[in-house]
Amino acid sequence: MMKVMNAQGQRLLGQVKWCATFGTKLRGLMFRRALDPDEGLVLAETRSSIAATSIHMFFVPFDIAALWLDENFQVVHKALAKSWRPYYASPKPARYVLEGPPALLERVTIGETLCFEE
């Protein structure tokens, strides 16, 4: 598991799973009952893209914060992804999608750079 922090070193999430394989990205948060307040997922792509970093909320019965990050881990877009919605995407290319509890949206701003550590 990894931790996510902002540039000031404040911990945003303490239990983040890195998802880089097709299977882990496909599964994502599907079929989970809930997401703990300190928990999240990073969906990692090999290159920046709009299409490859789009997400769906099918079979996810709760709302989440979705943050799209570029190759430098800078936030380029964020959205409240509602349960069972078909499609969310950043208007700008991103390489990573950080999925976490909705409260994360209030703690992160567009343009901010995030840090990941094990």
N, C-alpha and C. Protein backbone atom coordinates (compact mmCIF):
# COMPACT_ATOMS: atom_id res chain seq x y z
N MET A 1 0.84 -1.19 0.00
CA MET A 1 0.00 0.00 0.00
C MET A 1 0.88 1.25 0.00
N MET A 2 0.32 2.30 -0.54
CA MET A 2 1.05 3.55 -0.64
C MET A 2 0.32 4.64 0.13
N LYS A 3 1.02 5.75 0.34
CA LYS A 3 0.43 6.95 0.93
C LYS A 3 0.44 8.04 -0.13
N VAL A 4 -0.55 8.92 -0.06
CA VAL A 4 -0.61 10.08 -0.95
C VAL A 4 -0.54 11.33 -0.07
N MET A 5 0.37 12.25 -0.46
CA MET A 5 0.52 13.49 0.28
C MET A 5 0.50 14.67 -0.67
N ASN A 6 0.19 15.83 -0.11
CA ASN A 6 0.26 17.04 -0.93
C ASN A 6 1.69 17.57 -0.88
N ALA A 7 1.95 18.66 -1.56
CA ALA A 7 3.30 19.21 -1.65
C ALA A 7 3.82 19.70 -0.30
N GLN A 8 2.93 19.99 0.63
CA GLN A 8 3.33 20.44 1.96
C GLN A 8 3.60 19.26 2.90
N GLY A 9 3.45 18.04 2.41
CA GLY A 9 3.71 16.86 3.22
C GLY A 9 2.55 16.37 4.05
N GLN A 10 1.38 16.97 3.87
CA GLN A 10 0.19 16.52 4.61
C GLN A 10 -0.36 15.26 3.95
N ARG A 11 -0.63 14.25 4.77
CA ARG A 11 -1.15 13.00 4.24
C ARG A 11 -2.61 13.18 3.83
N LEU A 12 -2.90 12.81 2.59
CA LEU A 12 -4.27 12.87 2.08
C LEU A 12 -4.95 11.52 2.19
N LEU A 13 -4.23 10.46 1.86
CA LEU A 13 -4.73 9.09 1.97
C LEU A 13 -3.59 8.20 2.44
N GLY A 14 -3.90 7.25 3.31
CA GLY A 14 -2.85 6.39 3.87
C GLY A 14 -2.81 4.99 3.34
N GLN A 15 -3.87 4.55 2.67
CA GLN A 15 -3.92 3.18 2.15
C GLN A 15 -4.36 3.21 0.70
N VAL A 16 -3.40 3.37 -0.18
CA VAL A 16 -3.70 3.50 -1.61
C VAL A 16 -3.09 2.33 -2.36
N LYS A 17 -3.92 1.68 -3.16
CA LYS A 17 -3.47 0.55 -3.97
C LYS A 17 -3.12 1.05 -5.36
N TRP A 18 -1.95 0.67 -5.86
CA TRP A 18 -1.49 1.03 -7.20
C TRP A 18 -1.99 -0.02 -8.18
N CYS A 19 -2.76 0.37 -9.17
CA CYS A 19 -3.34 -0.56 -10.16
C CYS A 19 -2.74 -0.26 -11.53
N ALA A 20 -1.86 -1.13 -12.00
CA ALA A 20 -1.19 -0.91 -13.28
C ALA A 20 -1.50 -1.99 -14.31
N THR A 21 -2.07 -3.10 -13.88
CA THR A 21 -2.38 -4.17 -14.83
C THR A 21 -3.81 -4.00 -15.35
N PHE A 22 -4.08 -4.61 -16.49
CA PHE A 22 -5.41 -4.52 -17.07
C PHE A 22 -6.47 -5.01 -16.08
N GLY A 23 -6.21 -6.13 -15.44
CA GLY A 23 -7.19 -6.71 -14.52
C GLY A 23 -7.48 -5.85 -13.31
N THR A 24 -6.43 -5.29 -12.69
CA THR A 24 -6.66 -4.47 -11.51
C THR A 24 -7.35 -3.16 -11.86
N LYS A 25 -7.01 -2.60 -13.04
CA LYS A 25 -7.69 -1.37 -13.46
C LYS A 25 -9.13 -1.64 -13.84
N LEU A 26 -9.38 -2.76 -14.49
CA LEU A 26 -10.75 -3.11 -14.88
C LEU A 26 -11.63 -3.29 -13.66
N ARG A 27 -11.13 -4.01 -12.67
CA ARG A 27 -11.91 -4.26 -11.46
C ARG A 27 -12.11 -2.97 -10.66
N GLY A 28 -11.05 -2.21 -10.47
CA GLY A 28 -11.16 -0.95 -9.74
C GLY A 28 -11.90 -1.11 -8.43
N LEU A 29 -12.96 -0.34 -8.27
CA LEU A 29 -13.77 -0.39 -7.05
C LEU A 29 -15.08 -1.15 -7.25
N MET A 30 -15.21 -1.82 -8.39
CA MET A 30 -16.45 -2.56 -8.64
C MET A 30 -16.66 -3.62 -7.57
N PHE A 31 -17.91 -3.79 -7.20
CA PHE A 31 -18.38 -4.81 -6.27
C PHE A 31 -17.95 -4.57 -4.82
N ARG A 32 -17.34 -3.44 -4.54
CA ARG A 32 -17.01 -3.09 -3.16
C ARG A 32 -18.25 -2.51 -2.51
N ARG A 33 -18.39 -2.70 -1.23
CA ARG A 33 -19.54 -2.14 -0.50
C ARG A 33 -19.30 -0.69 -0.09
N ALA A 34 -18.05 -0.36 0.19
CA ALA A 34 -17.72 0.98 0.67
C ALA A 34 -16.22 1.23 0.47
N LEU A 35 -15.84 2.46 0.71
CA LEU A 35 -14.45 2.87 0.66
C LEU A 35 -14.14 3.55 1.98
N ASP A 36 -13.11 3.11 2.67
CA ASP A 36 -12.74 3.72 3.95
C ASP A 36 -12.27 5.16 3.72
N PRO A 37 -12.40 6.04 4.73
CA PRO A 37 -12.01 7.45 4.56
C PRO A 37 -10.53 7.66 4.22
N ASP A 38 -9.68 6.68 4.51
CA ASP A 38 -8.25 6.82 4.28
C ASP A 38 -7.76 5.95 3.12
N GLU A 39 -8.70 5.45 2.32
CA GLU A 39 -8.40 4.45 1.29
C GLU A 39 -8.59 5.01 -0.11
N GLY A 40 -7.81 4.49 -1.06
CA GLY A 40 -7.97 4.90 -2.45
C GLY A 40 -7.29 3.95 -3.41
N LEU A 41 -7.44 4.24 -4.69
CA LEU A 41 -6.81 3.48 -5.77
C LEU A 41 -6.15 4.46 -6.73
N VAL A 42 -5.05 4.05 -7.32
CA VAL A 42 -4.46 4.79 -8.43
C VAL A 42 -4.53 3.88 -9.65
N LEU A 43 -5.18 4.36 -10.69
CA LEU A 43 -5.23 3.65 -11.97
C LEU A 43 -4.13 4.26 -12.83
N ALA A 44 -3.08 3.49 -13.09
CA ALA A 44 -1.88 4.00 -13.77
C ALA A 44 -1.84 3.53 -15.22
N GLU A 45 -1.64 4.47 -16.12
CA GLU A 45 -1.48 4.16 -17.54
C GLU A 45 -0.02 4.33 -17.93
N THR A 46 0.36 3.81 -19.08
CA THR A 46 1.74 3.91 -19.55
C THR A 46 2.04 5.23 -20.25
N ARG A 47 0.98 5.94 -20.64
CA ARG A 47 1.15 7.24 -21.31
C ARG A 47 -0.06 8.11 -20.99
N SER A 48 0.07 9.40 -21.20
CA SER A 48 -1.04 10.32 -20.97
C SER A 48 -2.09 10.16 -22.06
N SER A 49 -3.35 10.22 -21.66
CA SER A 49 -4.45 10.02 -22.60
C SER A 49 -5.74 10.51 -21.95
N ILE A 50 -6.69 10.91 -22.77
CA ILE A 50 -8.03 11.21 -22.26
C ILE A 50 -8.83 9.92 -22.22
N ALA A 51 -8.84 9.18 -23.32
CA ALA A 51 -9.66 7.97 -23.42
C ALA A 51 -9.21 6.88 -22.44
N ALA A 52 -7.90 6.66 -22.33
CA ALA A 52 -7.41 5.57 -21.48
C ALA A 52 -7.61 5.83 -19.99
N THR A 53 -7.81 7.09 -19.62
CA THR A 53 -8.02 7.41 -18.21
C THR A 53 -9.48 7.73 -17.90
N SER A 54 -10.37 7.44 -18.83
CA SER A 54 -11.79 7.61 -18.52
C SER A 54 -12.21 6.48 -17.58
N ILE A 55 -13.19 6.75 -16.75
CA ILE A 55 -13.66 5.74 -15.80
C ILE A 55 -15.17 5.60 -15.91
N HIS A 56 -15.66 4.47 -15.42
CA HIS A 56 -17.11 4.26 -15.30
C HIS A 56 -17.40 3.93 -13.85
N MET A 57 -18.66 4.03 -13.47
CA MET A 57 -19.06 3.75 -12.10
C MET A 57 -20.05 2.59 -12.02
N PHE A 58 -20.12 1.76 -13.05
CA PHE A 58 -20.99 0.59 -13.01
C PHE A 58 -20.53 -0.33 -11.89
N PHE A 59 -21.47 -0.86 -11.14
CA PHE A 59 -21.23 -1.79 -10.04
C PHE A 59 -20.42 -1.18 -8.90
N VAL A 60 -20.40 0.15 -8.82
CA VAL A 60 -19.81 0.86 -7.68
C VAL A 60 -20.98 1.56 -6.98
N PRO A 61 -21.43 1.05 -5.82
CA PRO A 61 -22.65 1.56 -5.20
C PRO A 61 -22.46 2.78 -4.30
N PHE A 62 -21.38 3.53 -4.48
CA PHE A 62 -21.13 4.72 -3.67
C PHE A 62 -20.40 5.75 -4.53
N ASP A 63 -20.52 7.02 -4.16
CA ASP A 63 -19.84 8.10 -4.87
C ASP A 63 -18.37 8.15 -4.47
N ILE A 64 -17.53 8.63 -5.38
CA ILE A 64 -16.10 8.77 -5.09
C ILE A 64 -15.57 10.09 -5.64
N ALA A 65 -14.41 10.48 -5.13
CA ALA A 65 -13.64 11.57 -5.73
C ALA A 65 -12.76 10.95 -6.80
N ALA A 66 -12.74 11.55 -7.98
CA ALA A 66 -11.84 11.11 -9.05
C ALA A 66 -10.94 12.29 -9.40
N LEU A 67 -9.64 12.07 -9.29
CA LEU A 67 -8.65 13.09 -9.61
C LEU A 67 -7.77 12.58 -10.74
N TRP A 68 -7.66 13.35 -11.81
CA TRP A 68 -6.82 12.98 -12.95
C TRP A 68 -5.49 13.72 -12.80
N LEU A 69 -4.39 12.97 -12.90
CA LEU A 69 -3.05 13.52 -12.71
C LEU A 69 -2.22 13.33 -13.98
N ASP A 70 -1.36 14.29 -14.28
CA ASP A 70 -0.48 14.14 -15.43
C ASP A 70 0.75 13.31 -15.04
N GLU A 71 1.72 13.21 -15.95
CA GLU A 71 2.90 12.39 -15.71
C GLU A 71 3.77 12.91 -14.56
N ASN A 72 3.56 14.15 -14.14
CA ASN A 72 4.29 14.74 -13.01
C ASN A 72 3.46 14.73 -11.73
N PHE A 73 2.36 14.01 -11.75
CA PHE A 73 1.43 13.89 -10.61
C PHE A 73 0.75 15.21 -10.27
N GLN A 74 0.64 16.08 -11.25
CA GLN A 74 -0.09 17.34 -11.07
C GLN A 74 -1.55 17.10 -11.41
N VAL A 75 -2.45 17.61 -10.57
CA VAL A 75 -3.88 17.43 -10.78
C VAL A 75 -4.33 18.29 -11.96
N VAL A 76 -4.89 17.64 -13.00
CA VAL A 76 -5.36 18.37 -14.18
C VAL A 76 -6.88 18.46 -14.22
N HIS A 77 -7.56 17.63 -13.43
CA HIS A 77 -9.03 17.65 -13.39
C HIS A 77 -9.49 16.88 -12.16
N LYS A 78 -10.66 17.22 -11.67
CA LYS A 78 -11.25 16.46 -10.57
C LYS A 78 -12.76 16.49 -10.70
N ALA A 79 -13.40 15.43 -10.18
CA ALA A 79 -14.86 15.34 -10.29
C ALA A 79 -15.40 14.43 -9.19
N LEU A 80 -16.64 14.68 -8.81
CA LEU A 80 -17.37 13.76 -7.95
C LEU A 80 -18.02 12.74 -8.87
N ALA A 81 -17.54 11.52 -8.81
CA ALA A 81 -18.07 10.45 -9.66
C ALA A 81 -19.21 9.76 -8.90
N LYS A 82 -20.40 9.87 -9.45
CA LYS A 82 -21.59 9.32 -8.80
C LYS A 82 -21.77 7.85 -9.16
N SER A 83 -22.29 7.10 -8.20
CA SER A 83 -22.47 5.66 -8.40
C SER A 83 -23.35 5.37 -9.62
N TRP A 84 -22.99 4.30 -10.30
CA TRP A 84 -23.73 3.76 -11.44
C TRP A 84 -23.77 4.68 -12.66
N ARG A 85 -22.92 5.69 -12.74
CA ARG A 85 -22.88 6.55 -13.92
C ARG A 85 -21.95 5.93 -14.96
N PRO A 86 -22.26 6.14 -16.25
CA PRO A 86 -21.51 5.41 -17.28
C PRO A 86 -20.13 5.96 -17.63
N TYR A 87 -19.85 7.26 -17.39
CA TYR A 87 -18.63 7.79 -17.99
C TYR A 87 -18.18 9.07 -17.31
N TYR A 88 -16.91 9.09 -16.94
CA TYR A 88 -16.25 10.30 -16.47
C TYR A 88 -14.88 10.36 -17.14
N ALA A 89 -14.50 11.55 -17.60
CA ALA A 89 -13.19 11.72 -18.23
C ALA A 89 -12.69 13.13 -17.98
N SER A 90 -11.39 13.27 -17.98
CA SER A 90 -10.77 14.58 -17.88
C SER A 90 -10.80 15.24 -19.25
N PRO A 91 -11.01 16.55 -19.32
CA PRO A 91 -10.92 17.24 -20.61
C PRO A 91 -9.47 17.38 -21.09
N LYS A 92 -8.52 17.11 -20.19
CA LYS A 92 -7.09 17.18 -20.54
C LYS A 92 -6.48 15.79 -20.40
N PRO A 93 -5.46 15.49 -21.17
CA PRO A 93 -4.80 14.19 -21.03
C PRO A 93 -4.25 13.99 -19.62
N ALA A 94 -4.36 12.77 -19.13
CA ALA A 94 -3.84 12.40 -17.81
C ALA A 94 -3.17 11.04 -17.93
N ARG A 95 -2.31 10.76 -16.98
CA ARG A 95 -1.65 9.45 -16.95
C ARG A 95 -2.15 8.59 -15.79
N TYR A 96 -2.67 9.25 -14.75
CA TYR A 96 -3.13 8.54 -13.56
C TYR A 96 -4.51 9.04 -13.16
N VAL A 97 -5.29 8.15 -12.56
CA VAL A 97 -6.56 8.54 -11.94
C VAL A 97 -6.48 8.09 -10.49
N LEU A 98 -6.65 9.03 -9.58
CA LEU A 98 -6.69 8.73 -8.15
C LEU A 98 -8.16 8.70 -7.74
N GLU A 99 -8.61 7.56 -7.25
CA GLU A 99 -9.98 7.41 -6.77
C GLU A 99 -9.95 7.32 -5.26
N GLY A 100 -10.79 8.12 -4.61
CA GLY A 100 -10.81 8.14 -3.15
C GLY A 100 -12.16 8.59 -2.64
N PRO A 101 -12.27 8.80 -1.33
CA PRO A 101 -13.53 9.26 -0.75
C PRO A 101 -13.88 10.67 -1.22
N PRO A 102 -15.17 11.00 -1.30
CA PRO A 102 -15.58 12.31 -1.80
C PRO A 102 -14.93 13.50 -1.09
N ALA A 103 -14.63 13.38 0.19
CA ALA A 103 -14.02 14.48 0.95
C ALA A 103 -12.66 14.88 0.38
N LEU A 104 -12.04 14.01 -0.38
CA LEU A 104 -10.74 14.32 -0.99
C LEU A 104 -10.83 15.52 -1.94
N LEU A 105 -11.99 15.72 -2.55
CA LEU A 105 -12.16 16.84 -3.49
C LEU A 105 -11.96 18.19 -2.81
N GLU A 106 -12.31 18.28 -1.53
CA GLU A 106 -12.18 19.54 -0.80
C GLU A 106 -10.73 19.81 -0.38
N ARG A 107 -9.90 18.77 -0.39
CA ARG A 107 -8.54 18.89 0.11
C ARG A 107 -7.49 19.05 -0.99
N VAL A 108 -7.92 18.93 -2.24
CA VAL A 108 -6.98 18.98 -3.37
C VAL A 108 -7.48 20.00 -4.40
N THR A 109 -6.55 20.78 -4.94
CA THR A 109 -6.92 21.77 -5.95
C THR A 109 -6.29 21.40 -7.30
N ILE A 110 -6.95 21.84 -8.37
CA ILE A 110 -6.39 21.64 -9.71
C ILE A 110 -5.09 22.44 -9.81
N GLY A 111 -4.07 21.83 -10.36
CA GLY A 111 -2.75 22.44 -10.45
C GLY A 111 -1.80 22.00 -9.35
N GLU A 112 -2.34 21.43 -8.30
CA GLU A 112 -1.53 20.95 -7.18
C GLU A 112 -0.79 19.67 -7.57
N THR A 113 0.42 19.51 -7.07
CA THR A 113 1.21 18.30 -7.32
C THR A 113 1.13 17.39 -6.10
N LEU A 114 0.82 16.12 -6.33
CA LEU A 114 0.72 15.15 -5.25
C LEU A 114 1.97 14.28 -5.21
N CYS A 115 2.24 13.71 -4.05
CA CYS A 115 3.40 12.84 -3.84
C CYS A 115 2.91 11.47 -3.40
N PHE A 116 3.54 10.43 -3.91
CA PHE A 116 3.21 9.05 -3.55
C PHE A 116 4.44 8.41 -2.92
N GLU A 117 4.24 7.69 -1.82
CA GLU A 117 5.36 6.95 -1.23
C GLU A 117 4.86 5.67 -0.58
N GLU A 118 5.76 4.71 -0.52
CA GLU A 118 5.41 3.42 0.08
C GLU A 118 5.65 3.45 1.56
